[in-house]
Amino acid sequence: VAILDWRGQGDSSRLLKNPQRGYVRSFRDYTRDLEQFFEEIVLPDCRGPYYILAHSTGAVIALLASPSMVNRVRRMVLLTPFLAVPDLPVSISTVRRVCAVFC
């Protein structure tokens, strides 16, 4: 098991002076962190197969990084990623109802 604490989250260092606030210029910074984590920690020290278990911010990062992880990660379990869908042709309540039917 290898665990990554995202920059600006948990006990990792902050990019802002206020320790209560997390900040990153772009979520692409997080995906680069994940790729670097795989290159420097996971691949040299952990045998595959590889799986990602992520929650909230980590789930969004895993989704963004998934194209580069396609040949490395066998499966991802992503819990409650916070997602917003711009210009959605239906209301979010309609999306919830449809999802509830399929669940």
PDB file of N, CA and C in Angstrom:
ATOM      1  N   VAL A   1       0.852  -1.171   0.000  1.00  0.00           N
ATOM      2  CA  VAL A   1       0.000   0.000   0.000  1.00  0.00           C
ATOM      3  C   VAL A   1       0.894   1.227   0.000  1.00  0.00           C
ATOM      4  N   ALA A   2       0.587   2.160  -0.863  1.00  0.00           N
ATOM      5  CA  ALA A   2       1.286   3.447  -0.914  1.00  0.00           C
ATOM      6  C   ALA A   2       0.227   4.542  -0.825  1.00  0.00           C
ATOM      7  N   ILE A   3       0.468   5.506   0.038  1.00  0.00           N
ATOM      8  CA  ILE A   3      -0.522   6.566   0.274  1.00  0.00           C
ATOM      9  C   ILE A   3       0.103   7.925  -0.012  1.00  0.00           C
ATOM     10  N   LEU A   4      -0.630   8.741  -0.734  1.00  0.00           N
ATOM     11  CA  LEU A   4      -0.172  10.091  -1.084  1.00  0.00           C
ATOM     12  C   LEU A   4      -1.079  11.114  -0.415  1.00  0.00           C
ATOM     13  N   ASP A   5      -0.484  12.057   0.282  1.00  0.00           N
ATOM     14  CA  ASP A   5      -1.218  13.169   0.864  1.00  0.00           C
ATOM     15  C   ASP A   5      -1.020  14.353  -0.076  1.00  0.00           C
ATOM     16  N   TRP A   6      -2.092  14.799  -0.739  1.00  0.00           N
ATOM     17  CA  TRP A   6      -1.992  15.852  -1.749  1.00  0.00           C
ATOM     18  C   TRP A   6      -1.422  17.128  -1.159  1.00  0.00           C
ATOM     19  N   ARG A   7      -0.666  17.834  -1.953  1.00  0.00           N
ATOM     20  CA  ARG A   7      -0.135  19.116  -1.491  1.00  0.00           C
ATOM     21  C   ARG A   7      -1.294  20.019  -1.079  1.00  0.00           C
ATOM     22  N   GLY A   8      -1.131  20.671   0.047  1.00  0.00           N
ATOM     23  CA  GLY A   8      -2.184  21.556   0.544  1.00  0.00           C
ATOM     24  C   GLY A   8      -3.317  20.834   1.241  1.00  0.00           C
ATOM     25  N   GLN A   9      -3.206  19.522   1.423  1.00  0.00           N
ATOM     26  CA  GLN A   9      -4.245  18.728   2.084  1.00  0.00           C
ATOM     27  C   GLN A   9      -3.628  17.981   3.260  1.00  0.00           C
ATOM     28  N   GLY A  10      -4.456  17.617   4.237  1.00  0.00           N
ATOM     29  CA  GLY A  10      -3.977  16.811   5.363  1.00  0.00           C
ATOM     30  C   GLY A  10      -2.784  17.441   6.051  1.00  0.00           C
ATOM     31  N   ASP A  11      -1.719  16.660   6.247  1.00  0.00           N
ATOM     32  CA  ASP A  11      -0.516  17.149   6.919  1.00  0.00           C
ATOM     33  C   ASP A  11       0.572  17.594   5.945  1.00  0.00           C
ATOM     34  N   SER A  12       0.242  17.714   4.670  1.00  0.00           N
ATOM     35  CA  SER A  12       1.258  18.168   3.717  1.00  0.00           C
ATOM     36  C   SER A  12       1.472  19.669   3.858  1.00  0.00           C
ATOM     37  N   SER A  13       2.561  20.148   3.289  1.00  0.00           N
ATOM     38  CA  SER A  13       2.856  21.583   3.385  1.00  0.00           C
ATOM     39  C   SER A  13       1.848  22.391   2.576  1.00  0.00           C
ATOM     40  N   ARG A  14       1.732  23.643   2.933  1.00  0.00           N
ATOM     41  CA  ARG A  14       0.784  24.551   2.285  1.00  0.00           C
ATOM     42  C   ARG A  14       1.534  25.527   1.384  1.00  0.00           C
ATOM     43  N   LEU A  15       0.878  25.935   0.321  1.00  0.00           N
ATOM     44  CA  LEU A  15       1.453  26.946  -0.557  1.00  0.00           C
ATOM     45  C   LEU A  15       1.064  28.356  -0.110  1.00  0.00           C
ATOM     46  N   LEU A  16       0.144  28.445   0.842  1.00  0.00           N
ATOM     47  CA  LEU A  16      -0.272  29.727   1.406  1.00  0.00           C
ATOM     48  C   LEU A  16       0.208  29.825   2.844  1.00  0.00           C
ATOM     49  N   LYS A  17       0.308  31.034   3.366  1.00  0.00           N
ATOM     50  CA  LYS A  17       0.753  31.213   4.753  1.00  0.00           C
ATOM     51  C   LYS A  17      -0.261  30.681   5.755  1.00  0.00           C
ATOM     52  N   ASN A  18      -1.552  30.750   5.422  1.00  0.00           N
ATOM     53  CA  ASN A  18      -2.597  30.279   6.323  1.00  0.00           C
ATOM     54  C   ASN A  18      -2.642  28.753   6.285  1.00  0.00           C
ATOM     55  N   PRO A  19      -2.306  28.066   7.410  1.00  0.00           N
ATOM     56  CA  PRO A  19      -2.274  26.600   7.407  1.00  0.00           C
ATOM     57  C   PRO A  19      -3.655  25.962   7.299  1.00  0.00           C
ATOM     58  N   GLN A  20      -4.714  26.754   7.430  1.00  0.00           N
ATOM     59  CA  GLN A  20      -6.069  26.218   7.329  1.00  0.00           C
ATOM     60  C   GLN A  20      -6.580  26.185   5.889  1.00  0.00           C
ATOM     61  N   ARG A  21      -5.821  26.762   4.968  1.00  0.00           N
ATOM     62  CA  ARG A  21      -6.282  26.847   3.581  1.00  0.00           C
ATOM     63  C   ARG A  21      -5.370  26.054   2.658  1.00  0.00           C
ATOM     64  N   GLY A  22      -5.997  25.262   1.818  1.00  0.00           N
ATOM     65  CA  GLY A  22      -5.261  24.553   0.785  1.00  0.00           C
ATOM     66  C   GLY A  22      -5.307  25.361  -0.503  1.00  0.00           C
ATOM     67  N   TYR A  23      -4.305  25.210  -1.325  1.00  0.00           N
ATOM     68  CA  TYR A  23      -4.278  25.942  -2.587  1.00  0.00           C
ATOM     69  C   TYR A  23      -3.422  25.181  -3.588  1.00  0.00           C
ATOM     70  N   VAL A  24      -3.860  25.181  -4.810  1.00  0.00           N
ATOM     71  CA  VAL A  24      -3.075  24.672  -5.929  1.00  0.00           C
ATOM     72  C   VAL A  24      -3.468  25.511  -7.143  1.00  0.00           C
ATOM     73  N   ARG A  25      -2.507  25.840  -7.981  1.00  0.00           N
ATOM     74  CA  ARG A  25      -2.803  26.678  -9.153  1.00  0.00           C
ATOM     75  C   ARG A  25      -3.780  25.989 -10.095  1.00  0.00           C
ATOM     76  N   SER A  26      -3.583  24.680 -10.274  1.00  0.00           N
ATOM     77  CA  SER A  26      -4.400  23.919 -11.207  1.00  0.00           C
ATOM     78  C   SER A  26      -4.454  22.463 -10.750  1.00  0.00           C
ATOM     79  N   PHE A  27      -5.566  21.796 -11.020  1.00  0.00           N
ATOM     80  CA  PHE A  27      -5.649  20.375 -10.691  1.00  0.00           C
ATOM     81  C   PHE A  27      -4.651  19.571 -11.514  1.00  0.00           C
ATOM     82  N   ARG A  28      -4.165  20.128 -12.600  1.00  0.00           N
ATOM     83  CA  ARG A  28      -3.115  19.451 -13.384  1.00  0.00           C
ATOM     84  C   ARG A  28      -1.850  19.315 -12.547  1.00  0.00           C
ATOM     85  N   ASP A  29      -1.622  20.243 -11.603  1.00  0.00           N
ATOM     86  CA  ASP A  29      -0.485  20.098 -10.684  1.00  0.00           C
ATOM     87  C   ASP A  29      -0.643  18.818  -9.876  1.00  0.00           C
ATOM     88  N   TYR A  30      -1.868  18.541  -9.430  1.00  0.00           N
ATOM     89  CA  TYR A  30      -2.127  17.315  -8.679  1.00  0.00           C
ATOM     90  C   TYR A  30      -1.903  16.071  -9.530  1.00  0.00           C
ATOM     91  N   THR A  31      -2.323  16.118 -10.794  1.00  0.00           N
ATOM     92  CA  THR A  31      -2.128  14.935 -11.644  1.00  0.00           C
ATOM     93  C   THR A  31      -0.637  14.703 -11.888  1.00  0.00           C
ATOM     94  N   ARG A  32       0.122  15.769 -12.026  1.00  0.00           N
ATOM     95  CA  ARG A  32       1.575  15.614 -12.163  1.00  0.00           C
ATOM     96  C   ARG A  32       2.167  15.025 -10.880  1.00  0.00           C
ATOM     97  N   ASP A  33       1.637  15.457  -9.720  1.00  0.00           N
ATOM     98  CA  ASP A  33       2.097  14.876  -8.445  1.00  0.00           C
ATOM     99  C   ASP A  33       1.831  13.377  -8.404  1.00  0.00           C
ATOM    100  N   LEU A  34       0.642  12.966  -8.857  1.00  0.00           N
ATOM    101  CA  LEU A  34       0.290  11.550  -8.860  1.00  0.00           C
ATOM    102  C   LEU A  34       1.217  10.764  -9.786  1.00  0.00           C
ATOM    103  N   GLU A  35       1.478  11.305 -10.967  1.00  0.00           N
ATOM    104  CA  GLU A  35       2.376  10.636 -11.909  1.00  0.00           C
ATOM    105  C   GLU A  35       3.792  10.533 -11.336  1.00  0.00           C
ATOM    106  N   GLN A  36       4.257  11.598 -10.664  1.00  0.00           N
ATOM    107  CA  GLN A  36       5.579  11.575 -10.037  1.00  0.00           C
ATOM    108  C   GLN A  36       5.612  10.558  -8.891  1.00  0.00           C
ATOM    109  N   PHE A  37       4.538  10.491  -8.119  1.00  0.00           N
ATOM    110  CA  PHE A  37       4.423   9.528  -7.026  1.00  0.00           C
ATOM    111  C   PHE A  37       4.543   8.096  -7.566  1.00  0.00           C
ATOM    112  N   PHE A  38       3.849   7.830  -8.675  1.00  0.00           N
ATOM    113  CA  PHE A  38       3.945   6.503  -9.290  1.00  0.00           C
ATOM    114  C   PHE A  38       5.368   6.223  -9.754  1.00  0.00           C
ATOM    115  N   GLU A  39       5.982   7.190 -10.438  1.00  0.00           N
ATOM    116  CA  GLU A  39       7.328   6.995 -10.984  1.00  0.00           C
ATOM    117  C   GLU A  39       8.370   6.787  -9.890  1.00  0.00           C
ATOM    118  N   GLU A  40       8.318   7.582  -8.821  1.00  0.00           N
ATOM    119  CA  GLU A  40       9.380   7.582  -7.825  1.00  0.00           C
ATOM    120  C   GLU A  40       9.137   6.651  -6.641  1.00  0.00           C
ATOM    121  N   ILE A  41       7.894   6.368  -6.308  1.00  0.00           N
ATOM    122  CA  ILE A  41       7.589   5.577  -5.116  1.00  0.00           C
ATOM    123  C   ILE A  41       6.963   4.225  -5.477  1.00  0.00           C
ATOM    124  N   VAL A  42       5.860   4.273  -6.193  1.00  0.00           N
ATOM    125  CA  VAL A  42       5.073   3.052  -6.421  1.00  0.00           C
ATOM    126  C   VAL A  42       5.802   2.063  -7.330  1.00  0.00           C
ATOM    127  N   LEU A  43       6.166   2.478  -8.514  1.00  0.00           N
ATOM    128  CA  LEU A  43       6.753   1.540  -9.485  1.00  0.00           C
ATOM    129  C   LEU A  43       8.055   0.906  -8.988  1.00  0.00           C
ATOM    130  N   PRO A  44       8.968   1.669  -8.383  1.00  0.00           N
ATOM    131  CA  PRO A  44      10.210   1.033  -7.921  1.00  0.00           C
ATOM    132  C   PRO A  44      10.033   0.121  -6.698  1.00  0.00           C
ATOM    133  N   ASP A  45       9.043   0.415  -5.843  1.00  0.00           N
ATOM    134  CA  ASP A  45       8.968  -0.266  -4.548  1.00  0.00           C
ATOM    135  C   ASP A  45       7.763  -1.182  -4.349  1.00  0.00           C
ATOM    136  N   CYS A  46       6.809  -1.150  -5.231  1.00  0.00           N
ATOM    137  CA  CYS A  46       5.582  -1.933  -5.033  1.00  0.00           C
ATOM    138  C   CYS A  46       5.323  -2.784  -6.278  1.00  0.00           C
ATOM    139  N   ARG A  47       5.052  -4.064  -6.056  1.00  0.00           N
ATOM    140  CA  ARG A  47       4.713  -4.931  -7.184  1.00  0.00           C
ATOM    141  C   ARG A  47       3.260  -4.710  -7.583  1.00  0.00           C
ATOM    142  N   GLY A  48       2.982  -4.831  -8.878  1.00  0.00           N
ATOM    143  CA  GLY A  48       1.616  -4.723  -9.367  1.00  0.00           C
ATOM    144  C   GLY A  48       0.842  -5.991  -9.089  1.00  0.00           C
ATOM    145  N   PRO A  49      -0.408  -6.031  -9.404  1.00  0.00           N
ATOM    146  CA  PRO A  49      -1.175  -5.001 -10.109  1.00  0.00           C
ATOM    147  C   PRO A  49      -1.457  -3.808  -9.200  1.00  0.00           C
ATOM    148  N   TYR A  50      -1.751  -2.676  -9.824  1.00  0.00           N
ATOM    149  CA  TYR A  50      -1.986  -1.436  -9.101  1.00  0.00           C
ATOM    150  C   TYR A  50      -3.454  -1.043  -9.171  1.00  0.00           C
ATOM    151  N   TYR A  51      -3.945  -0.585  -8.037  1.00  0.00           N
ATOM    152  CA  TYR A  51      -5.317  -0.102  -7.924  1.00  0.00           C
ATOM    153  C   TYR A  51      -5.279   1.256  -7.248  1.00  0.00           C
ATOM    154  N   ILE A  52      -6.244   2.095  -7.540  1.00  0.00           N
ATOM    155  CA  ILE A  52      -6.356   3.389  -6.863  1.00  0.00           C
ATOM    156  C   ILE A  52      -7.678   3.419  -6.122  1.00  0.00           C
ATOM    157  N   LEU A  53      -7.603   3.773  -4.858  1.00  0.00           N
ATOM    158  CA  LEU A  53      -8.775   4.025  -4.030  1.00  0.00           C
ATOM    159  C   LEU A  53      -8.684   5.484  -3.639  1.00  0.00           C
ATOM    160  N   ALA A  54      -9.688   6.280  -4.010  1.00  0.00           N
ATOM    161  CA  ALA A  54      -9.615   7.724  -3.773  1.00  0.00           C
ATOM    162  C   ALA A  54     -10.977   8.261  -3.375  1.00  0.00           C
ATOM    163  N   HIS A  55     -10.950   9.328  -2.609  1.00  0.00           N
ATOM    164  CA  HIS A  55     -12.172   9.963  -2.106  1.00  0.00           C
ATOM    165  C   HIS A  55     -12.102  11.462  -2.379  1.00  0.00           C
ATOM    166  N   SER A  56     -13.242  12.042  -2.747  1.00  0.00           N
ATOM    167  CA  SER A  56     -13.413  13.488  -2.887  1.00  0.00           C
ATOM    168  C   SER A  56     -12.389  14.089  -3.850  1.00  0.00           C
ATOM    169  N   THR A  57     -11.511  14.949  -3.367  1.00  0.00           N
ATOM    170  CA  THR A  57     -10.518  15.585  -4.230  1.00  0.00           C
ATOM    171  C   THR A  57      -9.651  14.546  -4.916  1.00  0.00           C
ATOM    172  N   GLY A  58      -9.249  13.522  -4.164  1.00  0.00           N
ATOM    173  CA  GLY A  58      -8.422  12.464  -4.748  1.00  0.00           C
ATOM    174  C   GLY A  58      -9.125  11.745  -5.878  1.00  0.00           C
ATOM    175  N   ALA A  59     -10.440  11.585  -5.776  1.00  0.00           N
ATOM    176  CA  ALA A  59     -11.204  10.929  -6.836  1.00  0.00           C
ATOM    177  C   ALA A  59     -11.213  11.771  -8.105  1.00  0.00           C
ATOM    178  N   VAL A  60     -11.331  13.076  -7.958  1.00  0.00           N
ATOM    179  CA  VAL A  60     -11.290  13.961  -9.122  1.00  0.00           C
ATOM    180  C   VAL A  60      -9.907  13.913  -9.766  1.00  0.00           C
ATOM    181  N   ILE A  61      -8.876  13.935  -8.944  1.00  0.00           N
ATOM    182  CA  ILE A  61      -7.503  13.872  -9.457  1.00  0.00           C
ATOM    183  C   ILE A  61      -7.281  12.559 -10.202  1.00  0.00           C
ATOM    184  N   ALA A  62      -7.750  11.452  -9.632  1.00  0.00           N
ATOM    185  CA  ALA A  62      -7.606  10.158 -10.300  1.00  0.00           C
ATOM    186  C   ALA A  62      -8.333  10.147 -11.649  1.00  0.00           C
ATOM    187  N   LEU A  63      -9.519  10.744 -11.693  1.00  0.00           N
ATOM    188  CA  LEU A  63     -10.237  10.831 -12.969  1.00  0.00           C
ATOM    189  C   LEU A  63      -9.442  11.634 -13.993  1.00  0.00           C
ATOM    190  N   LEU A  64      -8.884  12.756 -13.557  1.00  0.00           N
ATOM    191  CA  LEU A  64      -8.104  13.591 -14.476  1.00  0.00           C
ATOM    192  C   LEU A  64      -6.833  12.873 -14.942  1.00  0.00           C
ATOM    193  N   ALA A  65      -6.247  12.076 -14.062  1.00  0.00           N
ATOM    194  CA  ALA A  65      -5.004  11.384 -14.390  1.00  0.00           C
ATOM    195  C   ALA A  65      -5.232  10.063 -15.118  1.00  0.00           C
ATOM    196  N   SER A  66      -6.468   9.606 -15.181  1.00  0.00           N
ATOM    197  CA  SER A  66      -6.735   8.272 -15.730  1.00  0.00           C
ATOM    198  C   SER A  66      -6.191   8.047 -17.144  1.00  0.00           C
ATOM    199  N   PRO A  67      -6.205   9.025 -18.050  1.00  0.00           N
ATOM    200  CA  PRO A  67      -5.632   8.737 -19.374  1.00  0.00           C
ATOM    201  C   PRO A  67      -4.150   8.351 -19.317  1.00  0.00           C
ATOM    202  N   SER A  68      -3.397   8.958 -18.409  1.00  0.00           N
ATOM    203  CA  SER A  68      -1.970   8.617 -18.310  1.00  0.00           C
ATOM    204  C   SER A  68      -1.736   7.362 -17.475  1.00  0.00           C
ATOM    205  N   MET A  69      -2.740   6.914 -16.748  1.00  0.00           N
ATOM    206  CA  MET A  69      -2.605   5.741 -15.885  1.00  0.00           C
ATOM    207  C   MET A  69      -3.167   4.471 -16.518  1.00  0.00           C
ATOM    208  N   VAL A  70      -3.675   4.559 -17.727  1.00  0.00           N
ATOM    209  CA  VAL A  70      -4.396   3.452 -18.341  1.00  0.00           C
ATOM    210  C   VAL A  70      -3.550   2.173 -18.432  1.00  0.00           C
ATOM    211  N   ASN A  71      -2.256   2.281 -18.640  1.00  0.00           N
ATOM    212  CA  ASN A  71      -1.404   1.087 -18.738  1.00  0.00           C
ATOM    213  C   ASN A  71      -0.751   0.717 -17.408  1.00  0.00           C
ATOM    214  N   ARG A  72      -1.040   1.468 -16.353  1.00  0.00           N
ATOM    215  CA  ARG A  72      -0.437   1.201 -15.053  1.00  0.00           C
ATOM    216  C   ARG A  72      -1.449   0.672 -14.042  1.00  0.00           C
ATOM    217  N   VAL A  73      -2.623   1.278 -14.026  1.00  0.00           N
ATOM    218  CA  VAL A  73      -3.618   0.992 -12.989  1.00  0.00           C
ATOM    219  C   VAL A  73      -4.680   0.062 -13.555  1.00  0.00           C
ATOM    220  N   ARG A  74      -4.912  -1.044 -12.847  1.00  0.00           N
ATOM    221  CA  ARG A  74      -5.903  -2.016 -13.313  1.00  0.00           C
ATOM    222  C   ARG A  74      -7.323  -1.517 -13.063  1.00  0.00           C
ATOM    223  N   ARG A  75      -7.585  -0.995 -11.862  1.00  0.00           N
ATOM    224  CA  ARG A  75      -8.924  -0.534 -11.510  1.00  0.00           C
ATOM    225  C   ARG A  75      -8.819   0.688 -10.600  1.00  0.00           C
ATOM    226  N   MET A  76      -9.880   1.487 -10.603  1.00  0.00           N
ATOM    227  CA  MET A  76     -10.000   2.617  -9.688  1.00  0.00           C
ATOM    228  C   MET A  76     -11.336   2.521  -8.963  1.00  0.00           C
ATOM    229  N   VAL A  77     -11.303   2.768  -7.670  1.00  0.00           N
ATOM    230  CA  VAL A  77     -12.521   2.902  -6.879  1.00  0.00           C
ATOM    231  C   VAL A  77     -12.534   4.348  -6.416  1.00  0.00           C
ATOM    232  N   LEU A  78     -13.493   5.114  -6.927  1.00  0.00           N
ATOM    233  CA  LEU A  78     -13.536   6.551  -6.672  1.00  0.00           C
ATOM    234  C   LEU A  78     -14.812   6.883  -5.910  1.00  0.00           C
ATOM    235  N   LEU A  79     -14.643   7.350  -4.683  1.00  0.00           N
ATOM    236  CA  LEU A  79     -15.769   7.641  -3.802  1.00  0.00           C
ATOM    237  C   LEU A  79     -16.047   9.132  -3.756  1.00  0.00           C
ATOM    238  N   THR A  80     -17.285   9.491  -3.994  1.00  0.00           N
ATOM    239  CA  THR A  80     -17.809  10.856  -3.916  1.00  0.00           C
ATOM    240  C   THR A  80     -16.896  11.926  -4.495  1.00  0.00           C
ATOM    241  N   PRO A  81     -16.508  11.763  -5.761  1.00  0.00           N
ATOM    242  CA  PRO A  81     -15.737  12.861  -6.361  1.00  0.00           C
ATOM    243  C   PRO A  81     -16.642  14.075  -6.498  1.00  0.00           C
ATOM    244  N   PHE A  82     -16.120  15.242  -6.169  1.00  0.00           N
ATOM    245  CA  PHE A  82     -16.955  16.420  -6.365  1.00  0.00           C
ATOM    246  C   PHE A  82     -16.821  16.841  -7.819  1.00  0.00           C
ATOM    247  N   LEU A  83     -17.936  16.805  -8.506  1.00  0.00           N
ATOM    248  CA  LEU A  83     -17.969  17.108  -9.933  1.00  0.00           C
ATOM    249  C   LEU A  83     -19.007  18.171 -10.217  1.00  0.00           C
ATOM    250  N   ALA A  84     -18.693  19.038 -11.118  1.00  0.00           N
ATOM    251  CA  ALA A  84     -19.663  20.000 -11.619  1.00  0.00           C
ATOM    252  C   ALA A  84     -19.688  19.840 -13.132  1.00  0.00           C
ATOM    253  N   VAL A  85     -20.859  19.854 -13.686  1.00  0.00           N
ATOM    254  CA  VAL A  85     -20.981  19.686 -15.124  1.00  0.00           C
ATOM    255  C   VAL A  85     -21.483  20.997 -15.706  1.00  0.00           C
ATOM    256  N   PRO A  86     -20.590  21.782 -16.309  1.00  0.00           N
ATOM    257  CA  PRO A  86     -21.016  23.061 -16.870  1.00  0.00           C
ATOM    258  C   PRO A  86     -21.943  22.861 -18.065  1.00  0.00           C
ATOM    259  N   ASP A  87     -22.900  23.736 -18.190  1.00  0.00           N
ATOM    260  CA  ASP A  87     -23.835  23.724 -19.323  1.00  0.00           C
ATOM    261  C   ASP A  87     -24.588  22.409 -19.443  1.00  0.00           C
ATOM    262  N   LEU A  88     -24.924  21.816 -18.314  1.00  0.00           N
ATOM    263  CA  LEU A  88     -25.689  20.580 -18.307  1.00  0.00           C
ATOM    264  C   LEU A  88     -27.085  20.855 -18.867  1.00  0.00           C
ATOM    265  N   PRO A  89     -27.566  20.057 -19.850  1.00  0.00           N
ATOM    266  CA  PRO A  89     -28.854  20.331 -20.472  1.00  0.00           C
ATOM    267  C   PRO A  89     -30.053  20.010 -19.573  1.00  0.00           C
ATOM    268  N   VAL A  90     -29.814  19.337 -18.446  1.00  0.00           N
ATOM    269  CA  VAL A  90     -30.886  19.042 -17.489  1.00  0.00           C
ATOM    270  C   VAL A  90     -30.436  19.503 -16.107  1.00  0.00           C
ATOM    271  N   SER A  91     -31.385  19.635 -15.193  1.00  0.00           N
ATOM    272  CA  SER A  91     -31.038  20.086 -13.846  1.00  0.00           C
ATOM    273  C   SER A  91     -30.305  18.988 -13.080  1.00  0.00           C
ATOM    274  N   ILE A  92     -29.562  19.389 -12.065  1.00  0.00           N
ATOM    275  CA  ILE A  92     -28.846  18.427 -11.244  1.00  0.00           C
ATOM    276  C   ILE A  92     -29.820  17.518 -10.490  1.00  0.00           C
ATOM    277  N   SER A  93     -31.001  18.033 -10.148  1.00  0.00           N
ATOM    278  CA  SER A  93     -31.993  17.180  -9.478  1.00  0.00           C
ATOM    279  C   SER A  93     -32.482  16.076 -10.418  1.00  0.00           C
ATOM    280  N   THR A  94     -32.605  16.367 -11.707  1.00  0.00           N
ATOM    281  CA  THR A  94     -32.966  15.338 -12.683  1.00  0.00           C
ATOM    282  C   THR A  94     -31.861  14.284 -12.771  1.00  0.00           C
ATOM    283  N   VAL A  95     -30.628  14.725 -12.765  1.00  0.00           N
ATOM    284  CA  VAL A  95     -29.493  13.794 -12.783  1.00  0.00           C
ATOM    285  C   VAL A  95     -29.554  12.891 -11.554  1.00  0.00           C
ATOM    286  N   ARG A  96     -29.833  13.459 -10.395  1.00  0.00           N
ATOM    287  CA  ARG A  96     -29.928  12.663  -9.160  1.00  0.00           C
ATOM    288  C   ARG A  96     -31.042  11.615  -9.260  1.00  0.00           C
ATOM    289  N   ARG A  97     -32.193  12.024  -9.790  1.00  0.00           N
ATOM    290  CA  ARG A  97     -33.300  11.076  -9.915  1.00  0.00           C
ATOM    291  C   ARG A  97     -32.934   9.939 -10.862  1.00  0.00           C
ATOM    292  N   VAL A  98     -32.340  10.258 -11.972  1.00  0.00           N
ATOM    293  CA  VAL A  98     -31.951   9.227 -12.947  1.00  0.00           C
ATOM    294  C   VAL A  98     -30.934   8.288 -12.308  1.00  0.00           C
ATOM    295  N   CYS A  99     -29.933   8.857 -11.602  1.00  0.00           N
ATOM    296  CA  CYS A  99     -28.923   8.027 -10.939  1.00  0.00           C
ATOM    297  C   CYS A  99     -29.562   7.124  -9.884  1.00  0.00           C
ATOM    298  N   ALA A 100     -30.534   7.649  -9.145  1.00  0.00           N
ATOM    299  CA  ALA A 100     -31.205   6.849  -8.112  1.00  0.00           C
ATOM    300  C   ALA A 100     -31.925   5.653  -8.741  1.00  0.00           C
ATOM    301  N   VAL A 101     -32.543   5.859  -9.908  1.00  0.00           N
ATOM    302  CA  VAL A 101     -33.221   4.768 -10.596  1.00  0.00           C
ATOM    303  C   VAL A 101     -32.217   3.683 -10.977  1.00  0.00           C
ATOM    304  N   PHE A 102     -31.056   4.086 -11.485  1.00  0.00           N
ATOM    305  CA  PHE A 102     -30.057   3.108 -11.912  1.00  0.00           C
ATOM    306  C   PHE A 102     -29.343   2.437 -10.750  1.00  0.00           C
ATOM    307  N   CYS A 103     -29.321   3.091  -9.598  1.00  0.00           N
ATOM    308  CA  CYS A 103     -28.693   2.464  -8.429  1.00  0.00           C
ATOM    309  C   CYS A 103     -29.612   1.429  -7.841  1.00  0.00           C
TER     310      CYS A 103
END
